Each structure stands twice: as structure tokens, then as C-alpha cells.
Amino acid sequence: PEVAYGFKFEEFLKLGWTNVEKVWLDGNFLKGGIPENIADLWPKLKSLDLYDNDLEGPIPASLARLDFVKLQLNGNNFSG
């Protein structure tokens, strides 16, 4: 059987990095959802690539507060 280990995306936000501008974690078997407070924790975020993971749940409205150059969330299981 195929075995894959998924890491929760929210764990990256718990690292306390506030100057993050670019997060490219496409195809990394990430699980869980994107926390609603992502814009508060990473206020300088300009590029977020989370495509081809196993993320789910709603896409946080707080993402609209960020001035993105690039946002890729396709290939997940988001709702809403």
C-alpha cells in the first residue's frame, strides 16, 4: 500500500515568522486548512503557492487583505 505523511499547514504559521513574503509549498502532502488569521500572522505575504496538496475547508476571507502577486490554491479540496 502507498504511504504518505501529511503535515498540517497551520504548523508553519506557529513558527512565529512575521516577515514572510513568499511561501511555496506545492505538492508537499499538506493537510488541514488555511487558518483565518493567516493575514495577521503573515501580513507581508505576497506569494502563496499551496497547489497540489490535501488541504480542505473554506478559503479564509482574510486572504483578501493581502496584496498578492501570486496565489495558487488549485489541486486541493477547498469548500465555499
Protein backbone atom coordinates (compact mmCIF):
# COMPACT_ATOMS: atom_id res chain seq x y z
CA PRO A 1 0.00 0.00 0.00
CA GLU A 2 1.02 3.58 -0.67
CA VAL A 3 2.02 5.52 2.45
CA ALA A 4 2.22 9.31 2.66
CA TYR A 5 2.78 11.50 5.67
CA GLY A 6 0.86 14.75 5.76
CA PHE A 7 1.95 17.81 7.72
CA LYS A 8 -0.62 20.38 8.81
CA PHE A 9 -0.14 23.71 7.05
CA GLU A 10 -1.09 25.61 10.21
CA GLU A 11 2.11 24.35 11.87
CA PHE A 12 4.13 26.68 9.63
CA LEU A 13 2.18 29.66 10.97
CA LYS A 14 3.04 28.66 14.54
CA LEU A 15 6.76 29.20 13.88
CA GLY A 16 6.42 32.91 14.66
CA TRP A 17 7.83 34.17 11.36
CA THR A 18 6.23 37.59 10.78
CA ASN A 19 8.31 38.82 7.82
CA VAL A 20 7.34 36.00 5.47
CA GLU A 21 6.75 37.27 1.91
CA LYS A 22 6.88 34.06 -0.12
CA VAL A 23 5.61 30.56 0.74
CA TRP A 24 5.91 27.90 -1.92
CA LEU A 25 4.80 24.53 -0.57
CA ASP A 26 3.18 22.99 -3.62
CA GLY A 27 2.97 19.19 -3.79
CA ASN A 28 4.03 18.55 -0.19
CA PHE A 29 1.12 16.43 1.11
CA LEU A 30 -0.02 19.25 3.40
CA LYS A 31 -3.22 18.59 5.32
CA GLY A 32 -5.79 20.62 7.24
CA GLY A 33 -6.89 24.08 6.25
CA ILE A 34 -5.63 27.64 5.96
CA PRO A 35 -6.22 29.42 9.28
CA GLU A 36 -8.44 32.50 9.16
CA ASN A 37 -5.75 34.57 10.90
CA ILE A 38 -3.09 33.99 8.21
CA ALA A 39 -3.16 37.69 7.22
CA ASP A 40 -2.49 38.70 10.83
CA LEU A 41 0.38 36.25 11.25
CA TRP A 42 1.98 36.87 7.84
CA PRO A 43 0.99 40.47 7.00
CA LYS A 44 3.78 40.87 4.39
CA LEU A 45 2.82 37.75 2.40
CA LYS A 46 2.94 38.43 -1.37
CA SER A 47 3.16 34.93 -2.85
CA LEU A 48 1.40 31.79 -1.63
CA ASP A 49 1.68 28.53 -3.59
CA LEU A 50 -0.16 25.67 -1.92
CA TYR A 51 -1.38 23.82 -5.01
CA ASP A 52 -1.46 20.03 -5.27
CA ASN A 53 -1.71 19.30 -1.56
CA ASP A 54 -4.51 17.78 0.51
CA LEU A 55 -5.85 20.97 2.08
CA GLU A 56 -9.55 21.39 2.80
CA GLY A 57 -12.14 23.67 4.36
CA PRO A 58 -13.05 27.24 3.46
CA ILE A 59 -10.62 29.67 1.88
CA PRO A 60 -10.15 32.37 4.53
CA ALA A 61 -11.66 35.77 3.79
CA SER A 62 -8.58 37.34 5.41
CA LEU A 63 -6.54 36.44 2.29
CA ALA A 64 -8.32 39.32 0.54
CA ARG A 65 -6.49 41.75 2.85
CA LEU A 66 -3.10 40.70 1.47
CA ASP A 67 -1.55 42.29 -1.60
CA PHE A 68 -0.75 39.13 -3.56
CA VAL A 69 1.48 38.96 -6.61
CA LYS A 70 0.81 35.22 -6.82
CA LEU A 71 -1.81 32.99 -5.20
CA GLN A 72 -2.20 29.33 -6.21
CA LEU A 73 -4.55 27.08 -4.29
CA ASN A 74 -5.74 24.68 -7.02
CA GLY A 75 -5.44 20.92 -6.62
CA ASN A 76 -6.81 20.86 -3.06
CA ASN A 77 -10.23 20.14 -1.55
CA PHE A 78 -11.36 23.62 -0.51
CA SER A 79 -15.05 24.36 0.02
CA GLY A 80 -17.11 27.50 -0.33
